[in-house]
Amino acid sequence: MQTYLVGGAVRDRLLGLDVTERDWVVVGATPETMTAAGFRPVGRDFPVFLHPDTGEEYALARTERKAGRGYHGFEFHAGPEVTLSEDLQRRDLTVNAMAEDDQGRLIDPHDGRTDLENRVLRHVSPAFVEDPVRLLRLARFHARFRPLGFTVAPATMALLRRMVANGEVDHLVPERVWAEMQRSLALDEPQQFFRLLRETGALARLLPELDALFGVPQPPRHHPEIDTGEHTLMALAQTVRLQASPAVRFAVLCHDFGKALTPADKLPSHPGHEAAGIEPVRAACERLGVPRAWRELALLVTRWHLHIHRADQLRPAKLLDLLQAADAFRRPERLDDLLLACEADARGRTGLEDRTYESPARIRQALTAAAAVDAGRFAAEGLKGPAIGDALRQARIKAIAAA
């Protein structure tokens, strides 16, 4: 029985990056010998075990054969006769198909180290097209390693387009799509994930609401970049500069979905695009299984972002409506997320990346003034039921006007 360090740990060490988790392949073992050695089985589709002390994953060397469509359309074989070379052959990218033995010697049958040095993401074999999850993983790797200068090999891009054309990508389960998308949103260049999906044609299948924005014009006065899809990805890039959470980044990704529905005779203006965007955002979130808190924030940003941009023009009553819609009196942190998303939207425009954005200060001033109103005094004055709510609203409007 021999163990080898494999995959991302080897790749990241060679790149000089921090290794956050390690995966191992075991050659010459059976499930019985692993459990006898104290390893705990956790693999559902193929034999994977957790080390009794470190908790790291140890997988038996295996081969795979395509037997159906989609991620689950594979038959696996794991046995003591499967070699390390056979196991590495089934992996997705050359940079992920390297191993180290217990002496630290590199085993690199597919020349992954050369591809690392040349900053190329390349498939191991034509079997790459058999697993649609690999398209998502490659898009995520592209986003992660793009800051280091990595590009996708032309032959690999051709395989990705084939996966879309032959319908393999249509068999991706929504949970896996969302998992890879969520992980990509946390990266330093999340926009690259969506760019690659669009270049392969997969974005139209997986997130058509976003894909539909490309080619949709906007008024050059407000959007020098003109294209709505480009603006969306520029705004997403700004969320990283603003150190926004992945939930805020997702909200920014969704905020202009309504612009794809603007009638042609109204272009390049988009009257009512905020309200029009509600249903596409809700549909995308439902299809992908987006967490409730993320979904609520995305809908909030979609509905209110234009109002926030025009905060200096809003009447006190509308400012109060905005604060109540954001539940800002009970959850001021959600208002912070909303304002951060709107700032990214305002900055995600060609030549306006460093603009001063004053709306958050005005809205926070309104919140401070409205929150200072003592609701208890209305009950003390003898008001009851809805009358208290009406009096509180009027008092808050007056306080916002005064501020």
Protein backbone atom coordinates (compact mmCIF):
# COMPACT_ATOMS: atom_id res chain seq x y z
CA MET A 1 0.00 0.00 0.00
CA GLN A 2 1.44 3.35 -1.11
CA THR A 3 0.07 6.85 -0.58
CA TYR A 4 0.62 9.88 -2.79
CA LEU A 5 -0.20 13.53 -2.31
CA VAL A 6 -2.21 14.61 -5.36
CA GLY A 7 -4.06 17.42 -7.06
CA GLY A 8 -4.40 20.94 -5.74
CA ALA A 9 -1.91 20.60 -2.90
CA VAL A 10 0.86 19.71 -5.35
CA ARG A 11 -0.20 22.41 -7.80
CA ASP A 12 -0.41 25.17 -5.20
CA ARG A 13 2.91 24.28 -3.60
CA LEU A 14 4.64 24.51 -6.98
CA LEU A 15 3.00 27.91 -7.51
CA GLY A 16 4.23 29.12 -4.13
CA LEU A 17 0.68 29.43 -2.78
CA ASP A 18 -0.55 28.43 0.65
CA VAL A 19 -1.75 24.83 0.74
CA THR A 20 -5.00 24.85 2.68
CA GLU A 21 -6.05 21.21 2.24
CA ARG A 22 -4.39 18.02 1.11
CA ASP A 23 -5.83 15.05 -0.76
CA TRP A 24 -4.23 11.65 -1.05
CA VAL A 25 -4.47 8.67 -3.38
CA VAL A 26 -3.84 5.18 -2.07
CA VAL A 27 -2.50 2.51 -4.42
CA GLY A 28 -2.57 -1.20 -3.63
CA ALA A 29 -5.27 -1.12 -0.96
CA THR A 30 -8.84 -2.34 -0.53
CA PRO A 31 -11.68 -0.85 1.54
CA GLU A 32 -11.12 -3.60 4.07
CA THR A 33 -7.43 -2.78 4.56
CA MET A 34 -8.29 0.92 4.94
CA THR A 35 -10.92 0.37 7.61
CA ALA A 36 -8.64 -2.11 9.38
CA ALA A 37 -6.02 0.66 9.54
CA GLY A 38 -8.50 2.97 11.28
CA PHE A 39 -9.66 5.03 8.29
CA ARG A 40 -13.33 6.05 8.27
CA PRO A 41 -15.25 5.51 4.98
CA VAL A 42 -17.15 8.56 3.69
CA GLY A 43 -17.31 8.06 -0.09
CA ARG A 44 -20.78 7.49 -1.50
CA ASP A 45 -19.90 6.97 -5.18
CA PHE A 46 -16.37 5.56 -4.78
CA PRO A 47 -14.08 4.58 -1.89
CA VAL A 48 -12.92 7.66 0.04
CA PHE A 49 -11.72 7.56 3.63
CA LEU A 50 -10.83 10.05 6.34
CA HIS A 51 -7.51 9.70 8.13
CA PRO A 52 -8.10 8.81 11.81
CA ASP A 53 -5.76 11.58 13.04
CA THR A 54 -5.60 14.36 10.43
CA GLY A 55 -9.11 14.03 8.96
CA GLU A 56 -7.64 14.40 5.45
CA GLU A 57 -9.21 12.52 2.55
CA TYR A 58 -7.60 9.37 1.20
CA ALA A 59 -9.15 7.92 -1.95
CA LEU A 60 -8.40 4.54 -3.44
CA ALA A 61 -6.84 4.79 -6.89
CA ARG A 62 -9.61 4.36 -9.43
CA THR A 63 -10.56 4.40 -13.07
CA GLU A 64 -13.83 5.61 -14.53
CA ARG A 65 -15.93 4.87 -17.58
CA LYS A 66 -18.71 6.98 -19.09
CA ALA A 67 -22.00 5.11 -18.85
CA GLY A 68 -24.63 7.86 -19.03
CA ARG A 69 -25.24 11.60 -19.21
CA GLY A 70 -24.20 14.17 -16.65
CA TYR A 71 -22.08 14.18 -13.52
CA HIS A 72 -23.44 10.88 -12.23
CA GLY A 73 -23.15 9.07 -15.56
CA PHE A 74 -19.95 7.22 -14.67
CA GLU A 75 -18.96 3.74 -13.57
CA PHE A 76 -15.95 3.64 -11.27
CA HIS A 77 -13.55 0.85 -10.55
CA ALA A 78 -11.27 0.94 -7.53
CA GLY A 79 -9.02 -1.97 -6.69
CA PRO A 80 -5.49 -2.76 -5.54
CA GLU A 81 -4.43 -3.34 -9.16
CA VAL A 82 -5.25 0.25 -10.28
CA THR A 83 -2.03 2.21 -10.74
CA LEU A 84 -1.26 5.82 -9.89
CA SER A 85 -0.80 6.53 -13.59
CA GLU A 86 -4.31 5.26 -14.34
CA ASP A 87 -5.74 7.38 -11.55
CA LEU A 88 -4.01 10.54 -12.78
CA GLN A 89 -5.17 9.83 -16.34
CA ARG A 90 -8.83 10.37 -15.38
CA ARG A 91 -8.24 13.84 -13.88
CA ASP A 92 -9.40 17.05 -15.51
CA LEU A 93 -6.39 19.35 -16.00
CA THR A 94 -2.68 18.65 -16.34
CA VAL A 95 -1.95 21.03 -13.45
CA ASN A 96 -4.23 18.89 -11.27
CA ALA A 97 -2.79 15.56 -12.48
CA MET A 98 0.48 15.64 -10.56
CA ALA A 99 1.46 13.68 -7.47
CA GLU A 100 4.23 13.47 -4.89
CA ASP A 101 5.47 10.29 -3.24
CA ASP A 102 6.44 9.99 0.41
CA GLN A 103 9.93 11.28 -0.44
CA GLY A 104 8.55 14.47 -1.99
CA ARG A 105 9.42 13.42 -5.55
CA LEU A 106 7.18 14.81 -8.26
CA ILE A 107 5.26 12.39 -10.48
CA ASP A 108 4.06 14.29 -13.54
CA PRO A 109 3.01 12.04 -16.43
CA HIS A 110 1.06 14.78 -18.25
CA ASP A 111 3.64 17.58 -17.99
CA GLY A 112 1.55 19.65 -15.63
CA ARG A 113 4.60 21.44 -14.25
CA THR A 114 5.42 22.84 -17.69
CA ASP A 115 1.84 24.08 -18.02
CA LEU A 116 2.17 25.72 -14.60
CA GLU A 117 5.32 27.49 -15.73
CA ASN A 118 3.64 28.58 -18.96
CA ARG A 119 0.47 29.59 -17.11
CA VAL A 120 -1.81 27.34 -19.16
CA LEU A 121 -4.92 25.41 -18.11
CA ARG A 122 -5.06 22.32 -20.34
CA HIS A 123 -7.16 19.15 -20.32
CA VAL A 124 -5.51 15.80 -19.63
CA SER A 125 -7.38 13.81 -22.28
CA PRO A 126 -10.38 14.02 -24.64
CA ALA A 127 -12.39 12.30 -21.90
CA PHE A 128 -12.61 15.77 -20.35
CA VAL A 129 -15.86 16.32 -22.28
CA GLU A 130 -17.58 13.43 -20.52
CA ASP A 131 -18.11 15.25 -17.22
CA PRO A 132 -19.97 18.59 -17.41
CA VAL A 133 -18.83 19.56 -13.91
CA ARG A 134 -15.37 19.99 -15.37
CA LEU A 135 -16.60 22.99 -17.34
CA LEU A 136 -17.68 24.66 -14.10
CA ARG A 137 -14.47 23.72 -12.32
CA LEU A 138 -12.37 25.07 -15.16
CA ALA A 139 -14.31 28.34 -15.12
CA ARG A 140 -13.58 28.60 -11.40
CA PHE A 141 -9.91 27.79 -11.90
CA HIS A 142 -9.83 30.41 -14.63
CA ALA A 143 -11.20 32.99 -12.19
CA ARG A 144 -8.84 31.92 -9.44
CA PHE A 145 -5.64 31.82 -11.49
CA ARG A 146 -6.31 34.61 -13.98
CA PRO A 147 -4.57 37.13 -11.67
CA LEU A 148 -1.43 34.98 -12.04
CA GLY A 149 -1.60 35.21 -15.82
CA PHE A 150 -3.20 31.84 -16.60
CA THR A 151 -5.10 31.30 -19.85
CA VAL A 152 -7.08 28.34 -21.17
CA ALA A 153 -5.45 26.32 -23.93
CA PRO A 154 -7.25 26.76 -27.29
CA ALA A 155 -7.81 23.01 -27.64
CA THR A 156 -9.39 22.96 -24.19
CA MET A 157 -11.68 25.86 -25.10
CA ALA A 158 -12.77 23.84 -28.13
CA LEU A 159 -13.69 20.93 -25.86
CA LEU A 160 -15.68 23.24 -23.60
CA ARG A 161 -17.70 24.52 -26.55
CA ARG A 162 -18.30 20.94 -27.65
CA MET A 163 -19.70 20.10 -24.21
CA VAL A 164 -22.23 22.89 -24.64
CA ALA A 165 -23.06 22.00 -28.24
CA ASN A 166 -23.63 18.32 -27.52
CA GLY A 167 -25.96 19.08 -24.60
CA GLU A 168 -23.73 17.59 -21.90
CA VAL A 169 -23.85 20.84 -19.91
CA ASP A 170 -27.64 20.61 -19.78
CA HIS A 171 -27.32 17.66 -17.41
CA LEU A 172 -25.65 19.68 -14.66
CA VAL A 173 -27.68 19.61 -11.48
CA PRO A 174 -28.55 23.09 -10.12
CA GLU A 175 -26.95 22.35 -6.75
CA ARG A 176 -23.56 21.81 -8.37
CA VAL A 177 -23.90 24.88 -10.57
CA TRP A 178 -24.65 27.00 -7.52
CA ALA A 179 -21.81 25.45 -5.49
CA GLU A 180 -19.22 26.36 -8.11
CA MET A 181 -20.75 29.79 -8.68
CA GLN A 182 -20.76 30.53 -4.96
CA ARG A 183 -17.11 29.52 -4.61
CA SER A 184 -16.18 31.67 -7.61
CA LEU A 185 -17.93 34.72 -6.19
CA ALA A 186 -15.49 34.66 -3.28
CA LEU A 187 -12.43 34.94 -5.56
CA ASP A 188 -10.45 38.06 -6.45
CA GLU A 189 -11.68 38.11 -10.07
CA PRO A 190 -15.15 36.51 -9.94
CA GLN A 191 -16.11 38.13 -13.24
CA GLN A 192 -13.72 35.76 -15.03
CA PHE A 193 -15.90 32.79 -14.06
CA PHE A 194 -18.86 34.26 -15.92
CA ARG A 195 -16.75 35.48 -18.83
CA LEU A 196 -15.49 31.98 -19.50
CA LEU A 197 -18.98 30.52 -19.26
CA ARG A 198 -20.15 33.05 -21.80
CA GLU A 199 -17.23 32.41 -24.18
CA THR A 200 -18.13 28.72 -24.24
CA GLY A 201 -21.87 29.30 -24.64
CA ALA A 202 -22.62 27.76 -21.24
CA LEU A 203 -23.84 30.97 -19.61
CA ALA A 204 -26.94 30.98 -21.80
CA ARG A 205 -27.79 27.51 -20.47
CA LEU A 206 -26.86 28.01 -16.81
CA LEU A 207 -27.70 31.66 -16.11
CA PRO A 208 -29.67 32.94 -19.12
CA GLU A 209 -30.82 36.00 -17.17
CA LEU A 210 -27.24 37.26 -17.12
CA ASP A 211 -26.35 36.13 -20.62
CA ALA A 212 -29.31 38.08 -22.01
CA LEU A 213 -27.76 41.36 -20.84
CA PHE A 214 -24.86 41.22 -23.29
CA GLY A 215 -25.57 43.34 -26.33
CA VAL A 216 -28.26 45.36 -24.55
CA PRO A 217 -27.34 49.09 -24.84
CA GLN A 218 -27.53 51.74 -22.13
CA PRO A 219 -27.35 55.54 -22.37
CA PRO A 220 -23.69 56.51 -22.94
CA ARG A 221 -24.10 59.51 -20.67
CA HIS A 222 -24.54 57.28 -17.63
CA HIS A 223 -22.85 54.17 -18.98
CA PRO A 224 -19.84 54.94 -21.19
CA GLU A 225 -19.28 51.19 -21.53
CA ILE A 226 -22.80 51.01 -23.10
CA ASP A 227 -23.20 47.21 -22.96
CA THR A 228 -25.30 46.08 -19.98
CA GLY A 229 -23.55 42.74 -19.63
CA GLU A 230 -20.15 44.41 -19.57
CA HIS A 231 -21.40 46.88 -16.98
CA THR A 232 -22.61 44.03 -14.79
CA LEU A 233 -19.22 42.32 -14.81
CA MET A 234 -17.47 45.65 -14.22
CA ALA A 235 -19.70 46.25 -11.21
CA LEU A 236 -18.93 42.74 -9.98
CA ALA A 237 -15.21 43.57 -10.19
CA GLN A 238 -15.86 46.69 -8.11
CA THR A 239 -17.36 44.59 -5.31
CA VAL A 240 -13.91 43.08 -4.82
CA ARG A 241 -12.33 46.53 -4.53
CA LEU A 242 -14.98 47.39 -1.95
CA GLN A 243 -14.32 44.13 -0.05
CA ALA A 244 -17.97 43.14 -0.33
CA SER A 245 -19.21 39.76 0.83
CA PRO A 246 -20.11 37.05 -1.70
CA ALA A 247 -23.79 37.72 -0.98
CA VAL A 248 -23.38 41.37 -2.02
CA ARG A 249 -21.46 40.25 -5.11
CA PHE A 250 -24.32 37.98 -6.12
CA ALA A 251 -26.81 40.82 -5.65
CA VAL A 252 -24.73 43.02 -7.95
CA LEU A 253 -24.65 40.22 -10.51
CA CYS A 254 -28.46 40.20 -10.54
CA HIS A 255 -29.34 43.87 -10.15
CA ASP A 256 -29.95 44.72 -13.83
CA PHE A 257 -31.68 41.54 -15.03
CA GLY A 258 -34.72 43.66 -15.87
CA LYS A 259 -32.84 45.53 -18.61
CA ALA A 260 -32.97 42.45 -20.82
CA LEU A 261 -36.76 42.89 -20.90
CA THR A 262 -36.83 46.52 -22.04
CA PRO A 263 -38.89 46.94 -25.25
CA ALA A 264 -36.72 47.76 -28.26
CA ASP A 265 -38.48 51.09 -28.86
CA LYS A 266 -37.41 52.29 -25.39
CA LEU A 267 -33.68 51.54 -25.79
CA PRO A 268 -31.14 52.65 -24.75
CA SER A 269 -33.17 53.89 -21.77
CA HIS A 270 -34.64 51.34 -19.38
CA PRO A 271 -37.71 52.78 -17.66
CA GLY A 272 -39.05 50.48 -14.99
CA HIS A 273 -36.21 47.99 -15.21
CA GLU A 274 -36.03 47.66 -11.42
CA ALA A 275 -39.58 46.29 -11.13
CA ALA A 276 -39.12 44.25 -14.32
CA GLY A 277 -36.06 42.58 -12.81
CA ILE A 278 -37.87 41.11 -9.80
CA GLU A 279 -39.25 38.03 -11.55
CA PRO A 280 -36.02 37.10 -13.41
CA VAL A 281 -34.05 37.39 -10.17
CA ARG A 282 -36.61 35.31 -8.31
CA ALA A 283 -36.61 32.68 -11.07
CA ALA A 284 -32.82 32.42 -11.16
CA CYS A 285 -32.61 32.10 -7.38
CA GLU A 286 -35.33 29.45 -7.32
CA ARG A 287 -33.69 27.43 -10.09
CA LEU A 288 -30.23 27.51 -8.52
CA GLY A 289 -31.32 27.01 -4.93
CA VAL A 290 -29.82 30.30 -3.73
CA PRO A 291 -29.93 30.72 0.09
CA ARG A 292 -32.81 32.80 1.37
CA ALA A 293 -30.70 35.67 2.76
CA TRP A 294 -28.81 36.00 -0.52
CA ARG A 295 -32.08 35.93 -2.46
CA GLU A 296 -33.65 38.64 -0.31
CA LEU A 297 -30.64 40.91 -0.73
CA ALA A 298 -30.58 40.39 -4.51
CA LEU A 299 -34.26 41.32 -4.75
CA LEU A 300 -33.73 44.34 -2.50
CA VAL A 301 -30.86 45.66 -4.61
CA THR A 302 -32.79 45.02 -7.83
CA ARG A 303 -35.84 46.93 -6.58
CA TRP A 304 -34.14 49.91 -4.93
CA HIS A 305 -30.77 50.57 -6.58
CA LEU A 306 -31.98 53.40 -8.81
CA HIS A 307 -33.68 55.11 -5.87
CA ILE A 308 -30.45 54.97 -3.92
CA HIS A 309 -28.49 56.47 -6.81
CA ARG A 310 -31.01 59.36 -6.73
CA ALA A 311 -31.07 59.72 -2.95
CA ASP A 312 -30.53 63.48 -3.19
CA GLN A 313 -33.79 63.76 -5.16
CA LEU A 314 -35.97 61.55 -2.94
CA ARG A 315 -38.68 63.04 -0.78
CA PRO A 316 -38.50 62.21 2.95
CA ALA A 317 -41.47 59.83 2.64
CA LYS A 318 -39.74 57.82 -0.09
CA LEU A 319 -36.52 57.73 1.93
CA LEU A 320 -38.52 56.25 4.80
CA ASP A 321 -40.08 53.68 2.44
CA LEU A 322 -36.59 52.64 1.38
CA LEU A 323 -35.41 52.28 4.98
CA GLN A 324 -38.44 50.19 5.86
CA ALA A 325 -38.04 47.98 2.78
CA ALA A 326 -34.46 47.28 3.84
CA ASP A 327 -35.62 46.58 7.42
CA ALA A 328 -32.91 49.09 8.35
CA PHE A 329 -34.27 49.88 11.83
CA ARG A 330 -33.87 46.27 12.96
CA ARG A 331 -31.09 45.14 10.59
CA PRO A 332 -28.79 48.06 9.81
CA GLU A 333 -26.20 45.60 8.48
CA ARG A 334 -28.53 44.73 5.60
CA LEU A 335 -28.77 48.41 4.69
CA ASP A 336 -24.96 48.44 4.66
CA ASP A 337 -24.98 45.55 2.16
CA LEU A 338 -27.57 47.31 0.02
CA LEU A 339 -25.55 50.52 -0.08
CA LEU A 340 -22.34 48.67 -0.84
CA ALA A 341 -23.96 46.90 -3.78
CA CYS A 342 -25.21 50.24 -5.11
CA GLU A 343 -21.76 51.79 -4.79
CA ALA A 344 -20.30 48.92 -6.83
CA ASP A 345 -23.02 49.53 -9.43
CA ALA A 346 -22.18 53.23 -9.57
CA ARG A 347 -18.46 52.56 -9.94
CA GLY A 348 -18.80 49.72 -12.45
CA ARG A 349 -18.69 52.04 -15.45
CA THR A 350 -15.90 52.96 -17.82
CA GLY A 351 -14.00 55.98 -16.48
CA LEU A 352 -16.11 56.21 -13.32
CA GLU A 353 -14.39 53.53 -11.27
CA ASP A 354 -13.07 56.08 -8.74
CA ARG A 355 -16.07 58.40 -8.62
CA THR A 356 -17.28 59.82 -5.33
CA TYR A 357 -20.53 58.19 -4.28
CA GLU A 358 -22.49 60.32 -1.82
CA SER A 359 -25.80 58.49 -1.58
CA PRO A 360 -24.87 56.25 1.40
CA ALA A 361 -24.13 59.27 3.61
CA ARG A 362 -27.53 60.82 2.85
CA ILE A 363 -29.39 57.59 3.49
CA ARG A 364 -27.56 56.88 6.74
CA GLN A 365 -28.35 60.44 7.84
CA ALA A 366 -32.01 59.74 7.19
CA LEU A 367 -31.80 56.51 9.18
CA THR A 368 -30.19 58.24 12.14
CA ALA A 369 -32.88 60.92 12.18
CA ALA A 370 -35.78 58.50 11.82
CA ALA A 371 -34.42 56.07 14.41
CA ALA A 372 -34.18 58.87 16.96
CA VAL A 373 -37.95 59.25 17.03
CA ASP A 374 -39.35 57.85 20.29
CA ALA A 375 -42.16 55.48 19.37
CA GLY A 376 -43.19 55.03 23.01
CA ARG A 377 -44.44 58.59 23.38
CA PHE A 378 -47.36 57.99 21.04
CA ALA A 379 -48.79 55.28 23.27
CA ALA A 380 -48.23 57.57 26.23
CA GLU A 381 -50.29 60.19 24.44
CA GLY A 382 -53.20 57.76 24.31
CA LEU A 383 -52.93 56.58 20.74
CA LYS A 384 -53.76 52.96 20.01
CA GLY A 385 -53.34 50.34 17.24
CA PRO A 386 -52.81 51.65 13.70
CA ALA A 387 -52.89 55.22 14.96
CA ILE A 388 -49.53 54.68 16.64
CA GLY A 389 -48.02 53.45 13.37
CA ASP A 390 -49.43 56.41 11.45
CA ALA A 391 -48.13 58.91 13.99
CA LEU A 392 -44.72 57.25 14.07
CA ARG A 393 -44.48 57.39 10.28
CA GLN A 394 -45.35 61.07 10.15
CA ALA A 395 -42.90 61.87 12.93
CA ARG A 396 -40.12 59.99 11.14
CA ILE A 397 -40.84 61.76 7.85
CA LYS A 398 -40.67 65.10 9.66
CA ALA A 399 -37.38 64.11 11.33
CA ILE A 400 -35.86 63.07 7.98
CA ALA A 401 -36.99 66.37 6.42
CA ALA A 402 -35.39 68.30 9.25
CA ALA A 403 -32.13 66.37 8.96
